[in-house]
């Protein structure tokens, strides 16, 4: 089982603690580091955060929220083997050509360690601040994934749609990985259809094995409808060790989970001592 840590890009007073945590995580055996994304955190918003009963994020507007791609670039330059993931970036609100270029560049400078986790987004107010329509964001998402894969192909890009008009260019460097993993996050709406059609993996927003197990039939059904083997979808799920002990890891494996992503607060802190303690008490048993 791959064990990951999230988030690496939030709440640091300076860059030094972020880099130290990344290096320590690599040293003790974490497989990957992940980020959260919001460009802005509104003072108030009507949009409902779908993964908390309160409908609100647990992040104050004043929290340092380093851009995921910039944070992962710094981490890539300061580590050698730990993998790098966005968990997840909000694809429909960004420029897909810039994103394709930036992600390929991170994969290039990290020697093939980048994983692009993406979702359709939920915060209408953020889309408005960026000047991007909130409506049809699902269709925009689907189109962007297809278009970005063309950018990463190395071939002449030709893509005409309702959302982009690209013709007659190439973009280098190419990703080192072929394919560069696109991991789709979420559990609402048409997400399972999107995973089956476009995703190399699924970032499951679950906080327990029971919650994850309840969603798996939807993924299996979507894959069957697309003629795809569900085993070809790499599943990454959240794991909160204080709530589920190490014996639960085998049960996650039996469900087909490949990666468990641990929220940093679940370590009992985000300092180096907390990471070392988790490695001694938990990672050493896996």
C-alpha atoms as a PDB file:
ATOM      1  CA  UNK A   1       0.000   0.000   0.000  1.00  0.00           C
ATOM      2  CA  UNK A   2       1.277   3.467  -0.904  1.00  0.00           C
ATOM      3  CA  UNK A   3       0.975   5.974   1.962  1.00  0.00           C
ATOM      4  CA  UNK A   4       0.748   9.678   1.140  1.00  0.00           C
ATOM      5  CA  UNK A   5       0.532  12.962   3.038  1.00  0.00           C
ATOM      6  CA  UNK A   6      -1.733  15.978   2.433  1.00  0.00           C
ATOM      7  CA  UNK A   7      -1.551  18.995   2.285  1.00  0.00           C
ATOM      8  CA  UNK A   8       1.996  20.155   1.779  1.00  0.00           C
ATOM      9  CA  UNK A   9       1.034  23.669   0.622  1.00  0.00           C
ATOM     10  CA  UNK A  10      -1.170  25.119   3.371  1.00  0.00           C
ATOM     11  CA  UNK A  11      -0.529  26.971   6.594  1.00  0.00           C
ATOM     12  CA  UNK A  12       3.249  27.405   6.459  1.00  0.00           C
ATOM     13  CA  UNK A  13       4.630  30.730   7.664  1.00  0.00           C
ATOM     14  CA  UNK A  14       7.551  30.429   5.234  1.00  0.00           C
ATOM     15  CA  UNK A  15       8.894  28.054   2.617  1.00  0.00           C
ATOM     16  CA  UNK A  16      11.438  26.409   4.923  1.00  0.00           C
ATOM     17  CA  UNK A  17       8.952  24.315   6.964  1.00  0.00           C
ATOM     18  CA  UNK A  18       7.243  23.139   3.792  1.00  0.00           C
ATOM     19  CA  UNK A  19      10.528  21.904   2.340  1.00  0.00           C
ATOM     20  CA  UNK A  20      11.635  20.335   5.627  1.00  0.00           C
ATOM     21  CA  UNK A  21       8.363  18.411   5.908  1.00  0.00           C
ATOM     22  CA  UNK A  22       8.653  17.245   2.295  1.00  0.00           C
ATOM     23  CA  UNK A  23      12.199  16.022   2.841  1.00  0.00           C
ATOM     24  CA  UNK A  24      11.306  14.305   6.107  1.00  0.00           C
ATOM     25  CA  UNK A  25       8.281  12.630   4.492  1.00  0.00           C
ATOM     26  CA  UNK A  26      10.540  11.291   1.746  1.00  0.00           C
ATOM     27  CA  UNK A  27      13.110  10.120   4.292  1.00  0.00           C
ATOM     28  CA  UNK A  28      10.638   8.120   6.412  1.00  0.00           C
ATOM     29  CA  UNK A  29       8.912   6.441   3.471  1.00  0.00           C
ATOM     30  CA  UNK A  30       5.841   8.374   2.394  1.00  0.00           C
ATOM     31  CA  UNK A  31       5.171   7.572  -1.268  1.00  0.00           C
ATOM     32  CA  UNK A  32       3.749  10.953  -2.277  1.00  0.00           C
ATOM     33  CA  UNK A  33       2.849  14.474  -1.184  1.00  0.00           C
ATOM     34  CA  UNK A  34      -0.388  16.176  -2.186  1.00  0.00           C
ATOM     35  CA  UNK A  35      -1.809  19.685  -2.305  1.00  0.00           C
ATOM     36  CA  UNK A  36      -5.198  21.326  -1.974  1.00  0.00           C
ATOM     37  CA  UNK A  37      -6.253  24.181  -4.249  1.00  0.00           C
ATOM     38  CA  UNK A  38      -8.240  27.352  -3.945  1.00  0.00           C
ATOM     39  CA  UNK A  39      -7.098  30.534  -5.649  1.00  0.00           C
ATOM     40  CA  UNK A  40      -9.210  32.610  -3.250  1.00  0.00           C
ATOM     41  CA  UNK A  41     -11.131  31.909  -0.053  1.00  0.00           C
ATOM     42  CA  UNK A  42     -14.169  34.217   0.079  1.00  0.00           C
ATOM     43  CA  UNK A  43     -15.024  35.908   3.358  1.00  0.00           C
ATOM     44  CA  UNK A  44     -18.499  34.488   2.919  1.00  0.00           C
ATOM     45  CA  UNK A  45     -20.089  32.308   0.263  1.00  0.00           C
ATOM     46  CA  UNK A  46     -23.422  30.722  -0.585  1.00  0.00           C
ATOM     47  CA  UNK A  47     -21.905  27.714  -2.343  1.00  0.00           C
ATOM     48  CA  UNK A  48     -22.009  24.591  -0.207  1.00  0.00           C
ATOM     49  CA  UNK A  49     -18.797  22.648   0.330  1.00  0.00           C
ATOM     50  CA  UNK A  50     -19.981  19.107  -0.454  1.00  0.00           C
ATOM     51  CA  UNK A  51     -17.700  17.170   1.894  1.00  0.00           C
ATOM     52  CA  UNK A  52     -18.582  18.785   5.207  1.00  0.00           C
ATOM     53  CA  UNK A  53     -22.072  18.863   6.783  1.00  0.00           C
ATOM     54  CA  UNK A  54     -21.518  22.528   7.617  1.00  0.00           C
ATOM     55  CA  UNK A  55     -21.139  23.356   3.922  1.00  0.00           C
ATOM     56  CA  UNK A  56     -17.974  25.304   4.743  1.00  0.00           C
ATOM     57  CA  UNK A  57     -14.271  24.738   4.186  1.00  0.00           C
ATOM     58  CA  UNK A  58     -12.055  24.452   7.225  1.00  0.00           C
ATOM     59  CA  UNK A  59      -9.731  27.188   5.985  1.00  0.00           C
ATOM     60  CA  UNK A  60      -9.775  30.848   7.014  1.00  0.00           C
ATOM     61  CA  UNK A  61      -9.290  33.431   4.237  1.00  0.00           C
ATOM     62  CA  UNK A  62      -6.009  34.546   5.840  1.00  0.00           C
ATOM     63  CA  UNK A  63      -4.423  31.071   5.708  1.00  0.00           C
ATOM     64  CA  UNK A  64      -1.315  30.804   3.536  1.00  0.00           C
ATOM     65  CA  UNK A  65      -2.567  28.758   0.581  1.00  0.00           C
ATOM     66  CA  UNK A  66       0.449  28.373  -1.716  1.00  0.00           C
ATOM     67  CA  UNK A  67      -0.412  27.664  -5.339  1.00  0.00           C
ATOM     68  CA  UNK A  68      -0.170  23.868  -5.742  1.00  0.00           C
ATOM     69  CA  UNK A  69       2.019  23.895  -8.835  1.00  0.00           C
ATOM     70  CA  UNK A  70       4.465  26.369  -7.339  1.00  0.00           C
ATOM     71  CA  UNK A  71       4.576  24.419  -4.080  1.00  0.00           C
ATOM     72  CA  UNK A  72       5.200  21.146  -5.907  1.00  0.00           C
ATOM     73  CA  UNK A  73       7.934  22.769  -7.998  1.00  0.00           C
ATOM     74  CA  UNK A  74       9.729  23.784  -4.810  1.00  0.00           C
ATOM     75  CA  UNK A  75       9.259  20.294  -3.385  1.00  0.00           C
ATOM     76  CA  UNK A  76      10.448  18.676  -6.631  1.00  0.00           C
ATOM     77  CA  UNK A  77      13.646  20.699  -6.518  1.00  0.00           C
ATOM     78  CA  UNK A  78      14.271  19.695  -2.897  1.00  0.00           C
ATOM     79  CA  UNK A  79      13.575  15.946  -3.096  1.00  0.00           C
ATOM     80  CA  UNK A  80      14.573  13.050  -5.340  1.00  0.00           C
ATOM     81  CA  UNK A  81      11.976  10.273  -5.257  1.00  0.00           C
ATOM     82  CA  UNK A  82       8.745  11.204  -3.482  1.00  0.00           C
ATOM     83  CA  UNK A  83       5.850  11.603  -5.901  1.00  0.00           C
ATOM     84  CA  UNK A  84       3.895  14.840  -6.271  1.00  0.00           C
ATOM     85  CA  UNK A  85       0.124  15.143  -6.577  1.00  0.00           C
ATOM     86  CA  UNK A  86      -2.559  17.814  -6.730  1.00  0.00           C
ATOM     87  CA  UNK A  87      -5.540  16.768  -4.679  1.00  0.00           C
ATOM     88  CA  UNK A  88      -7.306  18.298  -6.448  1.00  0.00           C
ATOM     89  CA  UNK A  89      -6.836  21.262  -8.792  1.00  0.00           C
ATOM     90  CA  UNK A  90     -10.019  22.807 -10.122  1.00  0.00           C
ATOM     91  CA  UNK A  91      -9.689  22.217 -13.835  1.00  0.00           C
ATOM     92  CA  UNK A  92     -12.613  24.141 -15.387  1.00  0.00           C
ATOM     93  CA  UNK A  93     -11.610  27.459 -13.818  1.00  0.00           C
ATOM     94  CA  UNK A  94      -8.094  27.501 -15.263  1.00  0.00           C
ATOM     95  CA  UNK A  95      -6.508  27.951 -18.666  1.00  0.00           C
ATOM     96  CA  UNK A  96      -5.938  24.368 -19.858  1.00  0.00           C
ATOM     97  CA  UNK A  97      -2.986  25.233 -22.083  1.00  0.00           C
ATOM     98  CA  UNK A  98      -1.111  26.889 -19.236  1.00  0.00           C
ATOM     99  CA  UNK A  99      -1.982  23.994 -16.947  1.00  0.00           C
ATOM    100  CA  UNK A 100      -0.826  21.402 -19.482  1.00  0.00           C
ATOM    101  CA  UNK A 101       2.455  23.290 -19.914  1.00  0.00           C
ATOM    102  CA  UNK A 102       3.039  23.720 -16.183  1.00  0.00           C
ATOM    103  CA  UNK A 103       2.236  20.109 -15.307  1.00  0.00           C
ATOM    104  CA  UNK A 104       4.461  18.764 -18.089  1.00  0.00           C
ATOM    105  CA  UNK A 105       7.232  21.056 -16.857  1.00  0.00           C
ATOM    106  CA  UNK A 106       6.945  19.790 -13.280  1.00  0.00           C
ATOM    107  CA  UNK A 107       7.030  16.211 -14.537  1.00  0.00           C
ATOM    108  CA  UNK A 108      10.125  17.126 -16.550  1.00  0.00           C
ATOM    109  CA  UNK A 109      12.038  18.770 -13.697  1.00  0.00           C
ATOM    110  CA  UNK A 110      11.045  16.032 -11.219  1.00  0.00           C
ATOM    111  CA  UNK A 111      12.062  13.189 -13.558  1.00  0.00           C
ATOM    112  CA  UNK A 112       8.546  11.811 -13.841  1.00  0.00           C
ATOM    113  CA  UNK A 113       7.016  12.247 -10.393  1.00  0.00           C
ATOM    114  CA  UNK A 114       3.941  14.393 -11.145  1.00  0.00           C
ATOM    115  CA  UNK A 115       0.311  13.279 -10.764  1.00  0.00           C
ATOM    116  CA  UNK A 116      -2.407  15.685 -11.866  1.00  0.00           C
ATOM    117  CA  UNK A 117      -5.443  15.374  -9.629  1.00  0.00           C
ATOM    118  CA  UNK A 118      -8.369  17.401 -10.930  1.00  0.00           C
ATOM    119  CA  UNK A 119     -12.022  18.082 -10.111  1.00  0.00           C
ATOM    120  CA  UNK A 120     -14.876  20.150 -11.481  1.00  0.00           C
ATOM    121  CA  UNK A 121     -15.105  22.509  -8.483  1.00  0.00           C
ATOM    122  CA  UNK A 122     -17.976  23.626  -6.281  1.00  0.00           C
ATOM    123  CA  UNK A 123     -17.225  27.239  -5.274  1.00  0.00           C
ATOM    124  CA  UNK A 124     -19.195  29.475  -7.650  1.00  0.00           C
ATOM    125  CA  UNK A 125     -17.736  32.592  -6.059  1.00  0.00           C
ATOM    126  CA  UNK A 126     -14.225  31.491  -6.991  1.00  0.00           C
ATOM    127  CA  UNK A 127     -15.207  30.934 -10.621  1.00  0.00           C
ATOM    128  CA  UNK A 128     -16.743  34.427 -10.632  1.00  0.00           C
ATOM    129  CA  UNK A 129     -13.548  35.976  -9.259  1.00  0.00           C
ATOM    130  CA  UNK A 130     -11.616  34.283 -12.078  1.00  0.00           C
ATOM    131  CA  UNK A 131     -14.097  35.380 -14.744  1.00  0.00           C
ATOM    132  CA  UNK A 132     -15.008  31.806 -15.731  1.00  0.00           C
ATOM    133  CA  UNK A 133     -18.611  30.570 -16.124  1.00  0.00           C
ATOM    134  CA  UNK A 134     -19.690  28.170 -13.382  1.00  0.00           C
ATOM    135  CA  UNK A 135     -22.304  26.685 -15.709  1.00  0.00           C
ATOM    136  CA  UNK A 136     -21.253  23.765 -17.925  1.00  0.00           C
ATOM    137  CA  UNK A 137     -18.130  23.261 -15.853  1.00  0.00           C
ATOM    138  CA  UNK A 138     -18.570  19.498 -16.196  1.00  0.00           C
ATOM    139  CA  UNK A 139     -18.546  19.645 -19.984  1.00  0.00           C
ATOM    140  CA  UNK A 140     -15.629  22.073 -19.851  1.00  0.00           C
ATOM    141  CA  UNK A 141     -13.749  19.652 -17.585  1.00  0.00           C
ATOM    142  CA  UNK A 142     -14.243  16.716 -19.966  1.00  0.00           C
ATOM    143  CA  UNK A 143     -13.097  18.749 -22.935  1.00  0.00           C
ATOM    144  CA  UNK A 144     -10.035  20.114 -21.155  1.00  0.00           C
ATOM    145  CA  UNK A 145      -8.799  16.638 -20.191  1.00  0.00           C
ATOM    146  CA  UNK A 146      -8.999  15.467 -23.800  1.00  0.00           C
ATOM    147  CA  UNK A 147      -7.345  18.667 -25.037  1.00  0.00           C
ATOM    148  CA  UNK A 148      -4.477  18.578 -22.525  1.00  0.00           C
ATOM    149  CA  UNK A 149      -3.611  14.998 -23.445  1.00  0.00           C
ATOM    150  CA  UNK A 150      -3.124  16.228 -27.007  1.00  0.00           C
ATOM    151  CA  UNK A 151      -0.683  18.864 -25.720  1.00  0.00           C
ATOM    152  CA  UNK A 152       1.285  16.137 -23.933  1.00  0.00           C
ATOM    153  CA  UNK A 153       1.397  13.884 -26.991  1.00  0.00           C
ATOM    154  CA  UNK A 154       4.225  15.701 -28.771  1.00  0.00           C
ATOM    155  CA  UNK A 155       2.166  15.785 -31.944  1.00  0.00           C
ATOM    156  CA  UNK A 156       0.730  18.843 -33.679  1.00  0.00           C
ATOM    157  CA  UNK A 157      -2.232  19.935 -31.564  1.00  0.00           C
ATOM    158  CA  UNK A 158      -5.611  20.198 -33.273  1.00  0.00           C
ATOM    159  CA  UNK A 159      -8.612  20.670 -30.987  1.00  0.00           C
ATOM    160  CA  UNK A 160     -11.771  22.602 -31.753  1.00  0.00           C
ATOM    161  CA  UNK A 161     -14.617  22.652 -29.240  1.00  0.00           C
ATOM    162  CA  UNK A 162     -17.091  24.891 -27.442  1.00  0.00           C
ATOM    163  CA  UNK A 163     -14.328  25.853 -25.032  1.00  0.00           C
ATOM    164  CA  UNK A 164     -10.991  25.997 -26.862  1.00  0.00           C
ATOM    165  CA  UNK A 165      -9.750  26.521 -30.399  1.00  0.00           C
ATOM    166  CA  UNK A 166      -6.254  25.105 -30.828  1.00  0.00           C
ATOM    167  CA  UNK A 167      -4.523  24.456 -34.102  1.00  0.00           C
ATOM    168  CA  UNK A 168      -1.069  24.053 -35.576  1.00  0.00           C
ATOM    169  CA  UNK A 169       1.252  24.106 -32.574  1.00  0.00           C
ATOM    170  CA  UNK A 170       3.323  21.896 -30.316  1.00  0.00           C
ATOM    171  CA  UNK A 171       4.258  22.320 -26.668  1.00  0.00           C
ATOM    172  CA  UNK A 172       7.489  21.036 -25.140  1.00  0.00           C
ATOM    173  CA  UNK A 173       8.877  19.713 -22.841  1.00  0.00           C
ATOM    174  CA  UNK A 174       6.749  16.611 -22.869  1.00  0.00           C
ATOM    175  CA  UNK A 175       5.962  14.788 -19.645  1.00  0.00           C
ATOM    176  CA  UNK A 176       8.490  12.116 -18.730  1.00  0.00           C
ATOM    177  CA  UNK A 177       5.658   9.744 -17.853  1.00  0.00           C
ATOM    178  CA  UNK A 178       3.645   8.240 -20.654  1.00  0.00           C
ATOM    179  CA  UNK A 179       0.922   8.722 -19.787  1.00  0.00           C
ATOM    180  CA  UNK A 180       1.150  11.406 -17.153  1.00  0.00           C
ATOM    181  CA  UNK A 181      -1.452  10.257 -14.585  1.00  0.00           C
ATOM    182  CA  UNK A 182      -4.716  12.193 -14.512  1.00  0.00           C
ATOM    183  CA  UNK A 183      -6.534  11.443 -11.273  1.00  0.00           C
ATOM    184  CA  UNK A 184     -10.134  12.596 -11.010  1.00  0.00           C
ATOM    185  CA  UNK A 185     -11.505  13.586  -7.631  1.00  0.00           C
ATOM    186  CA  UNK A 186     -15.009  13.640  -6.265  1.00  0.00           C
ATOM    187  CA  UNK A 187     -18.063  11.504  -5.647  1.00  0.00           C
ATOM    188  CA  UNK A 188     -20.938  13.639  -6.925  1.00  0.00           C
ATOM    189  CA  UNK A 189     -22.741  14.028 -10.229  1.00  0.00           C
ATOM    190  CA  UNK A 190     -21.147  12.351 -13.230  1.00  0.00           C
ATOM    191  CA  UNK A 191     -17.743  11.863 -11.618  1.00  0.00           C
ATOM    192  CA  UNK A 192     -17.700   8.071 -12.001  1.00  0.00           C
ATOM    193  CA  UNK A 193     -18.533   8.331 -15.683  1.00  0.00           C
ATOM    194  CA  UNK A 194     -15.671  10.842 -16.028  1.00  0.00           C
ATOM    195  CA  UNK A 195     -13.261   8.554 -14.221  1.00  0.00           C
ATOM    196  CA  UNK A 196     -14.213   5.611 -16.420  1.00  0.00           C
ATOM    197  CA  UNK A 197     -13.795   7.681 -19.607  1.00  0.00           C
ATOM    198  CA  UNK A 198     -10.901   9.986 -18.833  1.00  0.00           C
ATOM    199  CA  UNK A 199      -9.160   9.063 -15.588  1.00  0.00           C
ATOM    200  CA  UNK A 200      -6.063   7.056 -14.795  1.00  0.00           C
ATOM    201  CA  UNK A 201      -7.137   7.143 -11.170  1.00  0.00           C
ATOM    202  CA  UNK A 202      -9.797   8.211  -8.687  1.00  0.00           C
ATOM    203  CA  UNK A 203      -9.187  10.499  -5.706  1.00  0.00           C
ATOM    204  CA  UNK A 204     -11.979   9.370  -3.370  1.00  0.00           C
ATOM    205  CA  UNK A 205     -13.178  12.021  -0.903  1.00  0.00           C
ATOM    206  CA  UNK A 206     -13.988   9.434   1.771  1.00  0.00           C
ATOM    207  CA  UNK A 207     -13.014   9.503   5.426  1.00  0.00           C
ATOM    208  CA  UNK A 208     -13.685   5.855   6.296  1.00  0.00           C
ATOM    209  CA  UNK A 209     -13.586   2.426   4.712  1.00  0.00           C
ATOM    210  CA  UNK A 210     -17.363   2.204   5.087  1.00  0.00           C
ATOM    211  CA  UNK A 211     -17.849   5.410   3.139  1.00  0.00           C
ATOM    212  CA  UNK A 212     -15.483   4.272   0.418  1.00  0.00           C
ATOM    213  CA  UNK A 213     -17.106   0.846   0.093  1.00  0.00           C
ATOM    214  CA  UNK A 214     -20.491   2.486  -0.425  1.00  0.00           C
ATOM    215  CA  UNK A 215     -19.176   4.395  -3.459  1.00  0.00           C
ATOM    216  CA  UNK A 216     -17.337   1.564  -5.195  1.00  0.00           C
ATOM    217  CA  UNK A 217     -20.405   0.031  -6.897  1.00  0.00           C
ATOM    218  CA  UNK A 218     -20.933   3.343  -8.723  1.00  0.00           C
ATOM    219  CA  UNK A 219     -17.366   3.233 -10.035  1.00  0.00           C
ATOM    220  CA  UNK A 220     -17.703  -0.414 -11.039  1.00  0.00           C
ATOM    221  CA  UNK A 221     -20.962   0.269 -12.858  1.00  0.00           C
ATOM    222  CA  UNK A 222     -19.509   3.255 -14.728  1.00  0.00           C
ATOM    223  CA  UNK A 223     -16.471   1.241 -15.807  1.00  0.00           C
ATOM    224  CA  UNK A 224     -18.677  -1.602 -17.004  1.00  0.00           C
ATOM    225  CA  UNK A 225     -20.746   0.821 -19.089  1.00  0.00           C
ATOM    226  CA  UNK A 226     -17.544   2.134 -20.688  1.00  0.00           C
ATOM    227  CA  UNK A 227     -16.163  -1.363 -21.269  1.00  0.00           C
ATOM    228  CA  UNK A 228     -13.290  -0.734 -18.895  1.00  0.00           C
ATOM    229  CA  UNK A 229     -11.793  -2.977 -16.233  1.00  0.00           C
ATOM    230  CA  UNK A 230     -12.262  -1.216 -12.894  1.00  0.00           C
ATOM    231  CA  UNK A 231      -8.890  -2.635 -11.803  1.00  0.00           C
ATOM    232  CA  UNK A 232      -7.234  -0.257 -14.303  1.00  0.00           C
ATOM    233  CA  UNK A 233      -8.360   2.707 -12.160  1.00  0.00           C
ATOM    234  CA  UNK A 234      -5.835   3.490  -9.419  1.00  0.00           C
ATOM    235  CA  UNK A 235      -7.855   4.335  -6.313  1.00  0.00           C
ATOM    236  CA  UNK A 236      -6.518   6.818  -3.776  1.00  0.00           C
ATOM    237  CA  UNK A 237      -8.544   7.179  -0.572  1.00  0.00           C
ATOM    238  CA  UNK A 238      -8.244   9.304   2.526  1.00  0.00           C
ATOM    239  CA  UNK A 239      -7.102   7.468   5.654  1.00  0.00           C
ATOM    240  CA  UNK A 240      -7.391   8.865   9.172  1.00  0.00           C
ATOM    241  CA  UNK A 241      -5.256   6.588  11.378  1.00  0.00           C
ATOM    242  CA  UNK A 242      -6.698   7.787  14.731  1.00  0.00           C
ATOM    243  CA  UNK A 243     -10.082   6.507  13.501  1.00  0.00           C
ATOM    244  CA  UNK A 244      -8.875   3.380  11.656  1.00  0.00           C
ATOM    245  CA  UNK A 245      -5.885   1.348  12.830  1.00  0.00           C
ATOM    246  CA  UNK A 246      -3.246  -0.336  10.658  1.00  0.00           C
ATOM    247  CA  UNK A 247      -5.322  -3.511  10.409  1.00  0.00           C
ATOM    248  CA  UNK A 248      -7.743  -1.541   8.248  1.00  0.00           C
ATOM    249  CA  UNK A 249      -5.079  -1.106   5.573  1.00  0.00           C
ATOM    250  CA  UNK A 250      -5.468  -4.719   4.469  1.00  0.00           C
ATOM    251  CA  UNK A 251      -9.222  -4.181   4.136  1.00  0.00           C
ATOM    252  CA  UNK A 252      -8.572  -1.170   1.914  1.00  0.00           C
ATOM    253  CA  UNK A 253      -6.272  -3.311  -0.229  1.00  0.00           C
ATOM    254  CA  UNK A 254      -8.998  -5.926  -0.535  1.00  0.00           C
ATOM    255  CA  UNK A 255     -11.320  -3.210  -1.880  1.00  0.00           C
ATOM    256  CA  UNK A 256      -8.785  -2.371  -4.602  1.00  0.00           C
ATOM    257  CA  UNK A 257      -7.282   0.750  -3.049  1.00  0.00           C
ATOM    258  CA  UNK A 258      -3.690   1.466  -4.109  1.00  0.00           C
ATOM    259  CA  UNK A 259      -2.930   4.583  -2.068  1.00  0.00           C
ATOM    260  CA  UNK A 260      -4.023   5.919   1.311  1.00  0.00           C
ATOM    261  CA  UNK A 261      -3.654   9.679   1.764  1.00  0.00           C
ATOM    262  CA  UNK A 262      -3.233  10.826   5.354  1.00  0.00           C
ATOM    263  CA  UNK A 263      -4.333  14.366   6.341  1.00  0.00           C
ATOM    264  CA  UNK A 264      -1.483  16.060   8.185  1.00  0.00           C
ATOM    265  CA  UNK A 265      -3.644  16.908  11.241  1.00  0.00           C
ATOM    266  CA  UNK A 266      -4.220  13.157  11.713  1.00  0.00           C
ATOM    267  CA  UNK A 267      -0.519  12.818  12.542  1.00  0.00           C
ATOM    268  CA  UNK A 268      -1.105  14.840  15.686  1.00  0.00           C
ATOM    269  CA  UNK A 269       0.705  17.824  14.211  1.00  0.00           C
ATOM    270  CA  UNK A 270       2.524  18.981  11.116  1.00  0.00           C
ATOM    271  CA  UNK A 271       6.031  19.254  12.555  1.00  0.00           C
ATOM    272  CA  UNK A 272       8.935  16.926  11.887  1.00  0.00           C
ATOM    273  CA  UNK A 273       8.507  15.143  15.210  1.00  0.00           C
ATOM    274  CA  UNK A 274       4.934  14.200  14.323  1.00  0.00           C
ATOM    275  CA  UNK A 275       6.063  12.748  10.995  1.00  0.00           C
ATOM    276  CA  UNK A 276       8.817  10.740  12.663  1.00  0.00           C
ATOM    277  CA  UNK A 277       6.404   9.476  15.318  1.00  0.00           C
ATOM    278  CA  UNK A 278       3.925   8.369  12.650  1.00  0.00           C
ATOM    279  CA  UNK A 279       6.704   6.589  10.794  1.00  0.00           C
ATOM    280  CA  UNK A 280       7.802   4.740  13.941  1.00  0.00           C
ATOM    281  CA  UNK A 281       4.334   3.887  15.204  1.00  0.00           C
ATOM    282  CA  UNK A 282       2.442   3.272  11.954  1.00  0.00           C
ATOM    283  CA  UNK A 283       4.504   3.143   8.761  1.00  0.00           C
ATOM    284  CA  UNK A 284       6.869   0.627  10.327  1.00  0.00           C
ATOM    285  CA  UNK A 285       3.949  -1.794  10.730  1.00  0.00           C
ATOM    286  CA  UNK A 286       2.858  -1.708   7.092  1.00  0.00           C
END
